[in-house]
């Protein structure tokens, strides 16, 4: 029997109300230099105390072991979602793909995007690969038993709870809609679904410069 799941995000140390839970079913602007006071010049939410990418072993769409923490890319973007999400996941993944398209080739080569499924029962390796190829074939799809995905989400304050099945017999997943930007293993920026591609691209470039001066 397939379990319905809700993925909840609790973020400690961030201004109350800044991050809200959103269920699937659910910005623009051309300026790339606008900054939030006290936010280190980022469009996303800056974490003064960085989260750590998990060392939990997951499996990529080629069936190989994969640990987010051990990857060598200077900047990593991580999103937890699922392929049957009717809208929000697609919006976020499209934003990430569009943001990367605004970078030059050298910058793009230094950014790795990983999509961790919150619905491993339906998101097989083949399903994940097909889904992610719609956005960018370089995106890494990750799966594992649900308990291991839950463990991977904990350092990022993502937890998975049981939810209701739909009358149709299927189910949707209520989940956080935040993408995580990391330099090395330190998650420094969180973006919500309203972040524009230009804003995210600006933040990614800033993260890359942080890497260069570290």
N, C-alpha and C. Protein backbone atom coordinates (compact mmCIF):
# COMPACT_ATOMS: atom_id res chain seq x y z
N UNK A 1 0.84 -1.19 0.00
CA UNK A 1 0.00 0.00 0.00
C UNK A 1 0.88 1.24 0.00
N UNK A 2 0.53 2.20 -0.79
CA UNK A 2 1.33 3.41 -0.90
C UNK A 2 0.96 4.38 0.20
N UNK A 3 1.94 4.91 0.89
CA UNK A 3 1.71 5.90 1.93
C UNK A 3 1.70 7.29 1.33
N UNK A 4 0.78 8.12 1.80
CA UNK A 4 0.86 9.54 1.46
C UNK A 4 1.86 10.17 2.39
N UNK A 5 2.47 11.23 1.95
CA UNK A 5 3.51 11.84 2.78
C UNK A 5 3.41 13.34 2.75
N UNK A 6 3.75 13.94 3.87
CA UNK A 6 3.87 15.39 3.93
C UNK A 6 5.28 15.71 4.37
N UNK A 7 5.92 16.60 3.67
CA UNK A 7 7.28 16.98 4.02
C UNK A 7 7.22 18.37 4.63
N UNK A 8 7.69 18.49 5.85
CA UNK A 8 7.62 19.76 6.56
C UNK A 8 9.01 20.31 6.79
N UNK A 9 9.09 21.62 6.75
CA UNK A 9 10.37 22.29 6.95
C UNK A 9 10.28 23.15 8.19
N UNK A 10 11.19 22.91 9.15
CA UNK A 10 11.30 23.80 10.30
C UNK A 10 12.68 24.40 10.27
N UNK A 11 12.79 25.69 10.26
CA UNK A 11 14.09 26.33 10.14
C UNK A 11 14.39 27.09 11.42
N UNK A 12 15.39 26.61 12.14
CA UNK A 12 15.78 27.26 13.38
C UNK A 12 16.72 28.40 13.06
N UNK A 13 16.62 29.48 13.83
CA UNK A 13 17.54 30.59 13.69
C UNK A 13 17.20 31.57 12.59
N UNK A 14 16.05 31.39 11.91
CA UNK A 14 15.63 32.32 10.87
C UNK A 14 14.43 33.10 11.38
N UNK A 15 14.28 34.32 10.95
CA UNK A 15 13.18 35.16 11.41
C UNK A 15 11.87 34.40 11.29
N UNK A 16 11.09 34.39 12.37
CA UNK A 16 9.84 33.64 12.39
C UNK A 16 8.95 34.07 11.24
N UNK A 17 8.39 33.07 10.57
CA UNK A 17 7.48 33.35 9.47
C UNK A 17 8.15 33.55 8.14
N UNK A 18 9.46 33.55 8.11
CA UNK A 18 10.15 33.77 6.83
C UNK A 18 9.97 32.58 5.91
N UNK A 19 9.94 31.37 6.50
CA UNK A 19 9.77 30.17 5.70
C UNK A 19 8.46 29.51 6.10
N UNK A 20 7.60 29.24 5.14
CA UNK A 20 6.30 28.65 5.41
C UNK A 20 6.16 27.35 4.65
N UNK A 21 5.41 26.40 5.24
CA UNK A 21 5.13 25.14 4.58
C UNK A 21 4.16 25.38 3.44
N UNK A 22 4.42 24.79 2.30
CA UNK A 22 3.54 24.92 1.15
C UNK A 22 3.30 23.56 0.55
N UNK A 23 2.07 23.28 0.16
CA UNK A 23 1.78 22.02 -0.49
C UNK A 23 1.81 22.19 -1.99
N UNK A 24 2.13 21.10 -2.71
CA UNK A 24 2.05 21.17 -4.15
C UNK A 24 0.60 21.39 -4.52
N UNK A 25 0.32 22.16 -5.52
CA UNK A 25 -1.02 22.55 -5.91
C UNK A 25 -1.14 24.07 -5.86
N UNK A 26 -0.17 24.60 -5.48
CA UNK A 26 -0.12 25.97 -5.21
C UNK A 26 -0.64 27.03 -6.20
N UNK A 27 9.18 34.99 -8.83
CA UNK A 27 8.91 36.39 -9.02
C UNK A 27 9.83 36.98 -10.02
N UNK A 28 9.17 37.64 -10.26
CA UNK A 28 9.88 38.21 -11.40
C UNK A 28 10.77 39.35 -11.03
N UNK A 29 11.00 40.23 -12.00
CA UNK A 29 11.85 41.39 -11.77
C UNK A 29 13.15 41.26 -12.50
N UNK A 30 13.63 42.37 -13.03
CA UNK A 30 14.87 42.35 -13.79
C UNK A 30 16.08 42.76 -12.99
N UNK A 31 15.88 43.37 -11.81
CA UNK A 31 17.02 43.84 -11.03
C UNK A 31 17.82 42.71 -10.46
N UNK A 32 19.13 42.79 -10.53
CA UNK A 32 19.98 41.74 -9.99
C UNK A 32 20.91 42.28 -8.92
N UNK A 33 20.70 43.50 -8.50
CA UNK A 33 21.59 44.09 -7.50
C UNK A 33 20.86 44.45 -6.21
N UNK A 34 19.54 44.20 -6.18
CA UNK A 34 18.77 44.52 -4.99
C UNK A 34 19.20 43.58 -3.87
N UNK A 35 19.40 44.11 -2.68
CA UNK A 35 19.78 43.28 -1.54
C UNK A 35 18.86 43.56 -0.37
N UNK A 36 18.78 42.59 0.53
CA UNK A 36 17.99 42.75 1.74
C UNK A 36 18.91 43.20 2.85
N UNK A 37 18.57 44.28 3.56
CA UNK A 37 19.43 44.75 4.65
C UNK A 37 19.71 43.63 5.65
N UNK A 38 20.97 43.45 6.01
CA UNK A 38 21.32 42.41 6.96
C UNK A 38 21.33 41.02 6.37
N UNK A 39 21.16 40.91 5.06
CA UNK A 39 21.09 39.61 4.42
C UNK A 39 22.33 39.34 3.57
N UNK A 40 23.40 40.08 3.81
CA UNK A 40 24.68 39.89 3.13
C UNK A 40 24.56 40.09 1.62
N UNK A 41 23.57 40.83 1.18
CA UNK A 41 23.43 41.12 -0.24
C UNK A 41 22.77 40.04 -1.06
N UNK A 42 22.25 38.99 -0.41
CA UNK A 42 21.60 37.90 -1.13
C UNK A 42 20.11 38.17 -1.30
N UNK A 43 19.54 37.64 -2.38
CA UNK A 43 18.10 37.70 -2.58
C UNK A 43 17.40 36.63 -1.76
N UNK A 44 18.04 35.48 -1.62
CA UNK A 44 17.51 34.42 -0.77
C UNK A 44 17.78 34.72 0.70
N UNK A 45 17.37 33.82 1.56
CA UNK A 45 17.61 33.97 3.00
C UNK A 45 19.00 33.46 3.33
N UNK A 46 19.82 34.32 3.89
CA UNK A 46 21.20 33.96 4.23
C UNK A 46 21.23 33.34 5.62
N UNK A 47 21.96 32.24 5.76
CA UNK A 47 22.11 31.56 7.04
C UNK A 47 23.44 31.93 7.67
N UNK A 48 23.40 32.71 8.73
CA UNK A 48 24.64 33.06 9.43
C UNK A 48 25.31 31.82 10.01
N UNK A 49 24.49 30.89 10.49
CA UNK A 49 24.99 29.60 10.95
C UNK A 49 24.62 28.57 9.89
N UNK A 50 25.59 28.17 9.12
CA UNK A 50 25.32 27.31 7.96
C UNK A 50 24.78 25.95 8.38
N UNK A 51 23.81 25.45 7.59
CA UNK A 51 23.43 24.05 7.70
C UNK A 51 24.53 23.23 7.02
N UNK A 52 24.63 21.96 7.38
CA UNK A 52 25.61 21.08 6.75
C UNK A 52 24.91 20.09 5.83
N UNK A 53 25.39 19.98 4.61
CA UNK A 53 24.85 18.97 3.71
C UNK A 53 25.06 17.59 4.32
N UNK A 54 24.09 16.70 4.19
CA UNK A 54 24.19 15.39 4.83
C UNK A 54 25.18 14.46 4.14
N UNK A 55 25.80 13.61 4.94
CA UNK A 55 26.70 12.59 4.40
C UNK A 55 25.94 11.29 4.11
N UNK A 56 24.65 11.28 4.37
CA UNK A 56 23.81 10.10 4.14
C UNK A 56 23.97 9.58 2.72
N UNK A 57 24.13 8.27 2.60
CA UNK A 57 24.30 7.69 1.27
C UNK A 57 22.95 7.50 0.60
N UNK A 58 22.79 8.14 -0.54
CA UNK A 58 21.60 8.00 -1.37
C UNK A 58 22.01 7.27 -2.65
N UNK A 59 21.08 7.14 -3.58
CA UNK A 59 21.36 6.45 -4.85
C UNK A 59 20.97 7.36 -6.00
N UNK A 60 21.88 7.53 -6.97
CA UNK A 60 21.54 8.38 -8.11
C UNK A 60 20.79 7.58 -9.17
N UNK A 61 20.41 8.24 -10.26
CA UNK A 61 19.58 7.58 -11.26
C UNK A 61 20.35 6.55 -12.08
N UNK A 62 21.65 6.49 -11.91
CA UNK A 62 22.44 5.43 -12.55
C UNK A 62 22.62 4.25 -11.62
N UNK A 63 22.02 4.33 -10.43
CA UNK A 63 22.11 3.24 -9.46
C UNK A 63 23.38 3.26 -8.64
N UNK A 64 24.11 4.39 -8.66
CA UNK A 64 25.38 4.48 -7.94
C UNK A 64 25.20 5.23 -6.62
N UNK A 65 25.99 4.88 -5.60
CA UNK A 65 25.93 5.59 -4.32
C UNK A 65 26.28 7.06 -4.50
N UNK A 66 25.62 7.90 -3.73
CA UNK A 66 25.81 9.35 -3.87
C UNK A 66 25.60 10.01 -2.52
N UNK A 67 26.58 10.80 -2.10
CA UNK A 67 26.47 11.57 -0.85
C UNK A 67 26.58 13.05 -1.18
N UNK A 68 25.61 13.82 -0.77
CA UNK A 68 25.64 15.26 -1.05
C UNK A 68 26.88 15.92 -0.47
N UNK A 69 27.27 15.51 0.73
CA UNK A 69 28.39 16.16 1.41
C UNK A 69 29.73 15.89 0.75
N UNK A 70 29.84 14.76 0.05
CA UNK A 70 31.15 14.36 -0.47
C UNK A 70 31.41 14.83 -1.90
N UNK A 71 30.44 15.47 -2.52
CA UNK A 71 30.63 15.92 -3.90
C UNK A 71 31.60 17.09 -3.98
N UNK A 72 32.34 17.15 -5.08
CA UNK A 72 33.44 18.12 -5.21
C UNK A 72 33.04 19.45 -5.83
N UNK A 73 31.83 19.56 -6.33
CA UNK A 73 31.42 20.82 -6.97
C UNK A 73 31.56 21.98 -5.98
N UNK A 74 32.12 23.10 -6.40
CA UNK A 74 32.28 24.24 -5.49
C UNK A 74 30.96 24.75 -4.91
N UNK A 75 29.93 24.81 -5.76
CA UNK A 75 28.61 25.25 -5.30
C UNK A 75 27.59 24.17 -5.62
N UNK A 76 26.75 23.88 -4.64
CA UNK A 76 25.72 22.85 -4.82
C UNK A 76 24.36 23.45 -4.54
N UNK A 77 23.38 23.06 -5.34
CA UNK A 77 21.99 23.44 -5.11
C UNK A 77 21.20 22.16 -4.89
N UNK A 78 20.44 22.11 -3.80
CA UNK A 78 19.69 20.91 -3.43
C UNK A 78 18.22 21.26 -3.25
N UNK A 79 17.36 20.40 -3.79
CA UNK A 79 15.92 20.59 -3.64
C UNK A 79 15.28 19.25 -3.31
N UNK A 80 14.38 19.24 -2.34
CA UNK A 80 13.60 18.05 -1.99
C UNK A 80 12.21 18.20 -2.60
N UNK A 81 11.81 17.24 -3.43
CA UNK A 81 10.50 17.31 -4.06
C UNK A 81 10.13 15.97 -4.66
N UNK A 82 9.16 15.97 -5.58
CA UNK A 82 8.76 14.71 -6.20
C UNK A 82 8.17 14.96 -7.58
N UNK A 83 8.27 13.96 -8.43
CA UNK A 83 7.94 14.16 -9.84
C UNK A 83 6.45 14.34 -10.10
N UNK A 84 5.59 13.81 -9.21
CA UNK A 84 4.15 13.94 -9.41
C UNK A 84 3.60 15.26 -8.87
N UNK A 85 4.44 16.09 -8.33
CA UNK A 85 4.02 17.41 -7.84
C UNK A 85 3.40 18.18 -9.01
N UNK A 86 2.17 18.68 -8.86
CA UNK A 86 1.50 19.28 -10.01
C UNK A 86 2.02 20.64 -10.45
N UNK A 87 2.70 21.37 -9.55
CA UNK A 87 3.11 22.70 -9.99
C UNK A 87 4.35 23.25 -9.30
N UNK A 88 4.39 23.31 -7.98
CA UNK A 88 5.46 24.03 -7.29
C UNK A 88 6.83 23.46 -7.59
N UNK A 89 6.97 22.14 -7.57
CA UNK A 89 8.28 21.54 -7.85
C UNK A 89 8.75 21.92 -9.25
N UNK A 90 7.81 21.91 -10.19
CA UNK A 90 8.18 22.28 -11.56
C UNK A 90 8.60 23.74 -11.65
N UNK A 91 7.93 24.59 -10.88
CA UNK A 91 8.30 26.01 -10.87
C UNK A 91 9.72 26.19 -10.34
N UNK A 92 10.00 25.54 -9.20
CA UNK A 92 11.32 25.69 -8.59
C UNK A 92 12.40 25.12 -9.49
N UNK A 93 12.17 23.93 -10.05
CA UNK A 93 13.18 23.33 -10.90
C UNK A 93 13.38 24.14 -12.19
N UNK A 94 12.31 24.71 -12.72
CA UNK A 94 12.44 25.57 -13.89
C UNK A 94 13.23 26.83 -13.56
N UNK A 95 13.00 27.36 -12.35
CA UNK A 95 13.75 28.54 -11.92
C UNK A 95 15.24 28.23 -11.82
N UNK A 96 15.56 27.08 -11.24
CA UNK A 96 16.97 26.69 -11.13
C UNK A 96 17.59 26.54 -12.51
N UNK A 97 16.87 25.86 -13.41
CA UNK A 97 17.40 25.66 -14.77
C UNK A 97 17.60 27.00 -15.48
N UNK A 98 16.64 27.91 -15.33
CA UNK A 98 16.76 29.22 -15.97
C UNK A 98 17.88 30.04 -15.36
N UNK A 99 18.06 29.91 -14.04
CA UNK A 99 19.16 30.63 -13.38
C UNK A 99 20.51 30.15 -13.90
N UNK A 100 20.66 28.84 -14.05
CA UNK A 100 21.93 28.31 -14.56
C UNK A 100 22.18 28.77 -15.99
N UNK A 101 21.11 28.91 -16.76
CA UNK A 101 21.26 29.35 -18.15
C UNK A 101 21.79 30.78 -18.24
N UNK A 102 21.66 31.54 -17.17
CA UNK A 102 22.15 32.92 -17.14
C UNK A 102 23.63 33.00 -16.77
N UNK A 103 24.22 31.87 -16.37
CA UNK A 103 25.64 31.85 -16.03
C UNK A 103 26.46 31.57 -17.27
N UNK A 104 27.75 31.91 -17.23
CA UNK A 104 28.61 31.52 -18.34
C UNK A 104 29.03 30.06 -18.16
N UNK A 105 29.67 29.50 -19.18
CA UNK A 105 29.99 28.07 -19.17
C UNK A 105 30.88 27.69 -17.99
N UNK A 106 31.84 28.52 -17.67
CA UNK A 106 32.74 28.22 -16.56
C UNK A 106 31.98 28.20 -15.23
N UNK A 107 31.09 29.15 -15.05
CA UNK A 107 30.30 29.20 -13.82
C UNK A 107 29.38 27.99 -13.72
N UNK A 108 28.72 27.64 -14.83
CA UNK A 108 27.81 26.50 -14.81
C UNK A 108 28.53 25.22 -14.45
N UNK A 109 29.76 25.08 -14.92
CA UNK A 109 30.53 23.86 -14.65
C UNK A 109 30.87 23.70 -13.17
N UNK A 110 30.76 24.78 -12.41
CA UNK A 110 31.11 24.73 -10.99
C UNK A 110 29.89 24.60 -10.09
N UNK A 111 28.72 24.38 -10.69
CA UNK A 111 27.48 24.26 -9.92
C UNK A 111 26.86 22.89 -10.17
N UNK A 112 26.53 22.20 -9.09
CA UNK A 112 25.87 20.90 -9.19
C UNK A 112 24.47 21.01 -8.59
N UNK A 113 23.47 20.55 -9.32
CA UNK A 113 22.09 20.58 -8.85
C UNK A 113 21.63 19.15 -8.54
N UNK A 114 21.10 18.95 -7.34
CA UNK A 114 20.62 17.63 -6.92
C UNK A 114 19.16 17.73 -6.49
N UNK A 115 18.35 16.80 -6.96
CA UNK A 115 16.93 16.71 -6.63
C UNK A 115 16.72 15.43 -5.83
N UNK A 116 16.35 15.59 -4.56
CA UNK A 116 16.13 14.43 -3.68
C UNK A 116 14.63 14.16 -3.62
N UNK A 117 14.21 12.97 -4.04
CA UNK A 117 12.79 12.68 -4.04
C UNK A 117 12.26 12.51 -2.61
N UNK A 118 11.05 13.00 -2.39
CA UNK A 118 10.35 12.76 -1.13
C UNK A 118 9.28 11.69 -1.33
N UNK A 119 9.29 11.07 -2.48
CA UNK A 119 8.27 10.08 -2.86
C UNK A 119 8.93 8.89 -3.54
N UNK A 120 9.80 8.16 -2.81
CA UNK A 120 10.56 7.09 -3.45
C UNK A 120 9.71 5.94 -3.97
N UNK A 121 8.49 5.79 -3.47
CA UNK A 121 7.63 4.71 -3.95
C UNK A 121 7.29 4.88 -5.42
N UNK A 122 7.09 6.11 -5.84
CA UNK A 122 6.75 6.36 -7.25
C UNK A 122 7.94 6.86 -8.06
N UNK A 123 8.85 7.55 -7.41
CA UNK A 123 9.99 8.11 -8.12
C UNK A 123 11.12 7.09 -8.23
N UNK A 124 10.95 6.16 -9.17
CA UNK A 124 12.02 5.22 -9.45
C UNK A 124 13.17 5.96 -10.13
N UNK A 125 14.28 5.29 -10.27
CA UNK A 125 15.43 5.92 -10.92
C UNK A 125 15.07 6.36 -12.34
N UNK A 126 14.32 5.53 -13.05
CA UNK A 126 13.93 5.86 -14.42
C UNK A 126 12.98 7.06 -14.45
N UNK A 127 12.01 7.07 -13.53
CA UNK A 127 11.06 8.18 -13.47
C UNK A 127 11.79 9.49 -13.16
N UNK A 128 12.69 9.44 -12.19
CA UNK A 128 13.45 10.64 -11.83
C UNK A 128 14.28 11.16 -13.00
N UNK A 129 14.94 10.24 -13.71
CA UNK A 129 15.79 10.67 -14.82
C UNK A 129 14.96 11.35 -15.91
N UNK A 130 13.82 10.74 -16.24
CA UNK A 130 12.95 11.32 -17.26
C UNK A 130 12.45 12.70 -16.83
N UNK A 131 12.07 12.81 -15.57
CA UNK A 131 11.56 14.08 -15.03
C UNK A 131 12.63 15.17 -15.09
N UNK A 132 13.82 14.88 -14.61
CA UNK A 132 14.88 15.89 -14.54
C UNK A 132 15.43 16.27 -15.90
N UNK A 133 15.41 15.33 -16.84
CA UNK A 133 15.89 15.64 -18.18
C UNK A 133 15.07 16.74 -18.85
N UNK A 134 13.85 16.93 -18.40
CA UNK A 134 13.02 18.01 -18.94
C UNK A 134 13.59 19.37 -18.58
N UNK A 135 14.32 19.44 -17.49
CA UNK A 135 14.87 20.71 -17.03
C UNK A 135 16.33 20.88 -17.44
N UNK A 136 17.13 19.85 -17.16
CA UNK A 136 18.55 19.89 -17.50
C UNK A 136 19.12 18.48 -17.28
N UNK A 137 19.68 17.87 -18.32
CA UNK A 137 20.20 16.51 -18.18
C UNK A 137 21.33 16.37 -17.16
N UNK A 138 21.94 17.49 -16.78
CA UNK A 138 23.03 17.41 -15.80
C UNK A 138 22.52 17.32 -14.36
N UNK A 139 21.23 17.58 -14.14
CA UNK A 139 20.69 17.54 -12.79
C UNK A 139 20.76 16.11 -12.25
N UNK A 140 21.15 15.99 -11.00
CA UNK A 140 21.30 14.68 -10.36
C UNK A 140 20.01 14.33 -9.63
N UNK A 141 19.45 13.16 -9.92
CA UNK A 141 18.27 12.68 -9.22
C UNK A 141 18.68 11.67 -8.16
N UNK A 142 18.13 11.81 -6.96
CA UNK A 142 18.53 10.95 -5.85
C UNK A 142 17.33 10.31 -5.18
N UNK A 143 17.49 9.04 -4.84
CA UNK A 143 16.45 8.31 -4.14
C UNK A 143 17.08 7.40 -3.10
N UNK A 144 16.24 6.76 -2.30
CA UNK A 144 16.69 5.86 -1.24
C UNK A 144 15.43 5.39 -0.53
N UNK A 145 15.54 4.41 0.38
CA UNK A 145 14.40 4.12 1.24
C UNK A 145 13.98 5.38 1.99
N UNK A 146 12.70 5.49 2.29
CA UNK A 146 12.19 6.71 2.90
C UNK A 146 12.91 7.08 4.19
N UNK A 147 13.26 6.10 5.00
CA UNK A 147 13.96 6.39 6.26
C UNK A 147 15.30 7.07 6.01
N UNK A 148 15.96 6.68 4.93
CA UNK A 148 17.25 7.28 4.62
C UNK A 148 17.08 8.70 4.06
N UNK A 149 16.03 8.90 3.28
CA UNK A 149 15.74 10.25 2.79
C UNK A 149 15.41 11.16 3.96
N UNK A 150 14.65 10.63 4.91
CA UNK A 150 14.33 11.40 6.12
C UNK A 150 15.60 11.79 6.85
N UNK A 151 16.54 10.86 6.96
CA UNK A 151 17.82 11.15 7.63
C UNK A 151 18.60 12.21 6.88
N UNK A 152 18.55 12.15 5.55
CA UNK A 152 19.27 13.15 4.75
C UNK A 152 18.66 14.54 4.91
N UNK A 153 17.36 14.59 5.15
CA UNK A 153 16.71 15.88 5.29
C UNK A 153 16.90 16.54 6.64
N UNK A 154 17.21 15.75 7.64
CA UNK A 154 17.28 16.29 9.00
C UNK A 154 18.31 17.42 9.18
N UNK A 155 19.53 17.31 8.65
CA UNK A 155 20.48 18.43 8.81
C UNK A 155 19.99 19.73 8.17
N UNK A 156 19.06 19.60 7.22
CA UNK A 156 18.51 20.78 6.55
C UNK A 156 17.15 21.15 7.14
N UNK A 157 16.79 20.48 8.22
CA UNK A 157 15.53 20.73 8.92
C UNK A 157 14.32 20.39 8.05
N UNK A 158 14.46 19.36 7.23
CA UNK A 158 13.34 18.81 6.47
C UNK A 158 12.94 17.51 7.14
N UNK A 159 11.66 17.36 7.48
CA UNK A 159 11.17 16.11 8.05
C UNK A 159 9.99 15.62 7.24
N UNK A 160 9.76 14.32 7.26
CA UNK A 160 8.71 13.70 6.45
C UNK A 160 7.68 13.08 7.38
N UNK A 161 6.40 13.40 7.13
CA UNK A 161 5.31 12.88 7.94
C UNK A 161 4.28 12.20 7.05
N UNK A 162 3.50 11.28 7.65
CA UNK A 162 2.41 10.66 6.91
C UNK A 162 1.34 11.69 6.59
N UNK A 163 0.72 11.54 5.45
CA UNK A 163 -0.37 12.43 5.06
C UNK A 163 -1.55 11.63 4.53
N UNK A 164 -2.56 12.31 4.04
CA UNK A 164 -3.77 11.65 3.57
C UNK A 164 -3.65 11.18 2.13
N UNK A 165 -4.28 10.02 1.86
CA UNK A 165 -4.42 9.59 0.48
C UNK A 165 -5.59 10.33 -0.15
N UNK A 166 -5.51 10.52 -1.46
CA UNK A 166 -6.58 11.19 -2.19
C UNK A 166 -7.71 10.21 -2.47
N UNK A 167 -8.95 10.68 -2.62
CA UNK A 167 -10.07 9.80 -2.94
C UNK A 167 -9.84 8.98 -4.20
N UNK A 168 -9.04 9.50 -5.10
CA UNK A 168 -8.76 8.79 -6.35
C UNK A 168 -7.89 7.56 -6.14
N UNK A 169 -7.31 7.46 -4.95
CA UNK A 169 -6.40 6.34 -4.67
C UNK A 169 -4.96 6.75 -4.73
N UNK A 170 -4.68 7.88 -5.36
CA UNK A 170 -3.32 8.39 -5.39
C UNK A 170 -3.07 9.29 -4.19
N UNK A 171 -2.05 10.08 -4.26
CA UNK A 171 -1.76 11.00 -3.16
C UNK A 171 -0.85 12.11 -3.66
N UNK A 172 -0.91 13.24 -2.98
CA UNK A 172 0.06 14.30 -3.24
C UNK A 172 0.85 14.53 -1.97
N UNK A 173 1.97 15.19 -2.10
CA UNK A 173 2.88 15.39 -0.98
C UNK A 173 2.94 16.87 -0.64
N UNK A 174 2.56 17.20 0.59
CA UNK A 174 2.76 18.57 1.06
C UNK A 174 4.21 18.70 1.49
N UNK A 175 4.88 19.72 1.00
CA UNK A 175 6.31 19.78 1.29
C UNK A 175 6.81 21.21 1.22
N UNK A 176 7.97 21.41 1.79
CA UNK A 176 8.61 22.72 1.70
C UNK A 176 9.03 22.97 0.26
N UNK A 177 9.11 24.22 -0.10
CA UNK A 177 9.42 24.55 -1.50
C UNK A 177 10.70 25.36 -1.59
N UNK A 178 11.66 25.01 -0.78
CA UNK A 178 12.90 25.77 -0.70
C UNK A 178 14.06 25.03 -1.34
N UNK A 179 14.84 25.76 -2.10
CA UNK A 179 16.09 25.22 -2.65
C UNK A 179 17.23 25.72 -1.78
N UNK A 180 18.22 24.87 -1.59
CA UNK A 180 19.35 25.17 -0.70
C UNK A 180 20.61 25.40 -1.51
N UNK A 181 21.30 26.51 -1.26
CA UNK A 181 22.55 26.82 -1.94
C UNK A 181 23.72 26.65 -1.00
N UNK A 182 24.67 25.80 -1.38
CA UNK A 182 25.80 25.48 -0.51
C UNK A 182 27.13 25.78 -1.18
N UNK A 183 28.07 26.23 -0.39
CA UNK A 183 29.47 26.35 -0.81
C UNK A 183 30.20 25.22 -0.10
N UNK A 184 30.74 24.29 -0.88
CA UNK A 184 31.28 23.09 -0.26
C UNK A 184 30.14 22.32 0.39
N UNK A 185 30.24 22.10 1.69
CA UNK A 185 29.17 21.42 2.43
C UNK A 185 28.35 22.38 3.29
N UNK A 186 28.68 23.67 3.24
CA UNK A 186 27.99 24.66 4.06
C UNK A 186 26.82 25.27 3.30
N UNK A 187 25.61 25.00 3.75
CA UNK A 187 24.43 25.62 3.15
C UNK A 187 24.33 27.04 3.67
N UNK A 188 24.41 28.01 2.76
CA UNK A 188 24.43 29.41 3.15
C UNK A 188 23.19 30.19 2.75
N UNK A 189 22.49 29.74 1.71
CA UNK A 189 21.34 30.50 1.20
C UNK A 189 20.17 29.55 0.95
N UNK A 190 18.97 30.03 1.29
CA UNK A 190 17.74 29.30 1.00
C UNK A 190 16.87 30.18 0.11
N UNK A 191 16.37 29.59 -0.98
CA UNK A 191 15.49 30.32 -1.90
C UNK A 191 14.09 29.74 -1.86
N UNK A 192 13.06 30.60 -1.90
CA UNK A 192 11.70 30.09 -1.96
C UNK A 192 11.21 30.06 -3.40
N UNK A 193 9.96 29.60 -3.59
CA UNK A 193 9.45 29.40 -4.95
C UNK A 193 9.18 30.71 -5.68
N UNK A 194 9.21 31.83 -4.96
CA UNK A 194 8.98 33.12 -5.60
C UNK A 194 10.26 33.79 -6.10
N UNK A 195 11.39 33.16 -5.85
CA UNK A 195 12.66 33.72 -6.32
C UNK A 195 12.70 33.70 -7.84
N UNK A 196 13.10 34.79 -8.45
CA UNK A 196 13.19 34.85 -9.91
C UNK A 196 14.51 34.21 -10.37
N UNK A 197 14.56 33.74 -11.62
CA UNK A 197 15.82 33.20 -12.14
C UNK A 197 16.97 34.20 -12.05
N UNK A 198 16.70 35.48 -12.33
CA UNK A 198 17.76 36.50 -12.26
C UNK A 198 18.30 36.62 -10.83
N UNK A 199 17.39 36.65 -9.87
CA UNK A 199 17.82 36.77 -8.48
C UNK A 199 18.63 35.57 -8.05
N UNK A 200 18.17 34.37 -8.42
CA UNK A 200 18.91 33.17 -8.06
C UNK A 200 20.27 33.15 -8.74
N UNK A 201 20.31 33.54 -10.02
CA UNK A 201 21.59 33.57 -10.74
C UNK A 201 22.57 34.52 -10.06
N UNK A 202 22.07 35.68 -9.64
CA UNK A 202 22.92 36.64 -8.94
C UNK A 202 23.48 36.04 -7.66
N UNK A 203 22.63 35.33 -6.92
CA UNK A 203 23.08 34.70 -5.67
C UNK A 203 24.09 33.59 -5.93
N UNK A 204 23.87 32.81 -6.99
CA UNK A 204 24.81 31.73 -7.32
C UNK A 204 26.19 32.31 -7.64
N UNK A 205 26.20 33.39 -8.42
CA UNK A 205 27.48 34.03 -8.74
C UNK A 205 28.17 34.53 -7.48
N UNK A 206 27.38 35.06 -6.57
CA UNK A 206 27.93 35.54 -5.30
C UNK A 206 28.50 34.37 -4.49
N UNK A 207 27.81 33.23 -4.49
CA UNK A 207 28.32 32.04 -3.81
C UNK A 207 29.63 31.57 -4.45
N UNK A 208 29.69 31.61 -5.76
CA UNK A 208 30.93 31.22 -6.45
C UNK A 208 32.08 32.13 -6.07
N UNK A 209 31.81 33.42 -5.93
CA UNK A 209 32.86 34.35 -5.52
C UNK A 209 33.27 34.10 -4.07
N UNK A 210 32.32 33.70 -3.24
CA UNK A 210 32.64 33.33 -1.86
C UNK A 210 33.59 32.15 -1.83
N UNK A 211 33.35 31.21 -2.73
CA UNK A 211 34.23 30.04 -2.84
C UNK A 211 35.63 30.46 -3.22
N UNK A 212 35.73 31.42 -4.13
CA UNK A 212 37.04 31.85 -4.62
C UNK A 212 37.86 32.57 -3.55
N UNK A 213 37.18 33.22 -2.60
CA UNK A 213 37.89 33.97 -1.57
C UNK A 213 38.02 33.22 -0.26
N UNK A 214 37.44 32.00 -0.22
CA UNK A 214 37.48 31.23 1.03
C UNK A 214 38.89 30.75 1.33
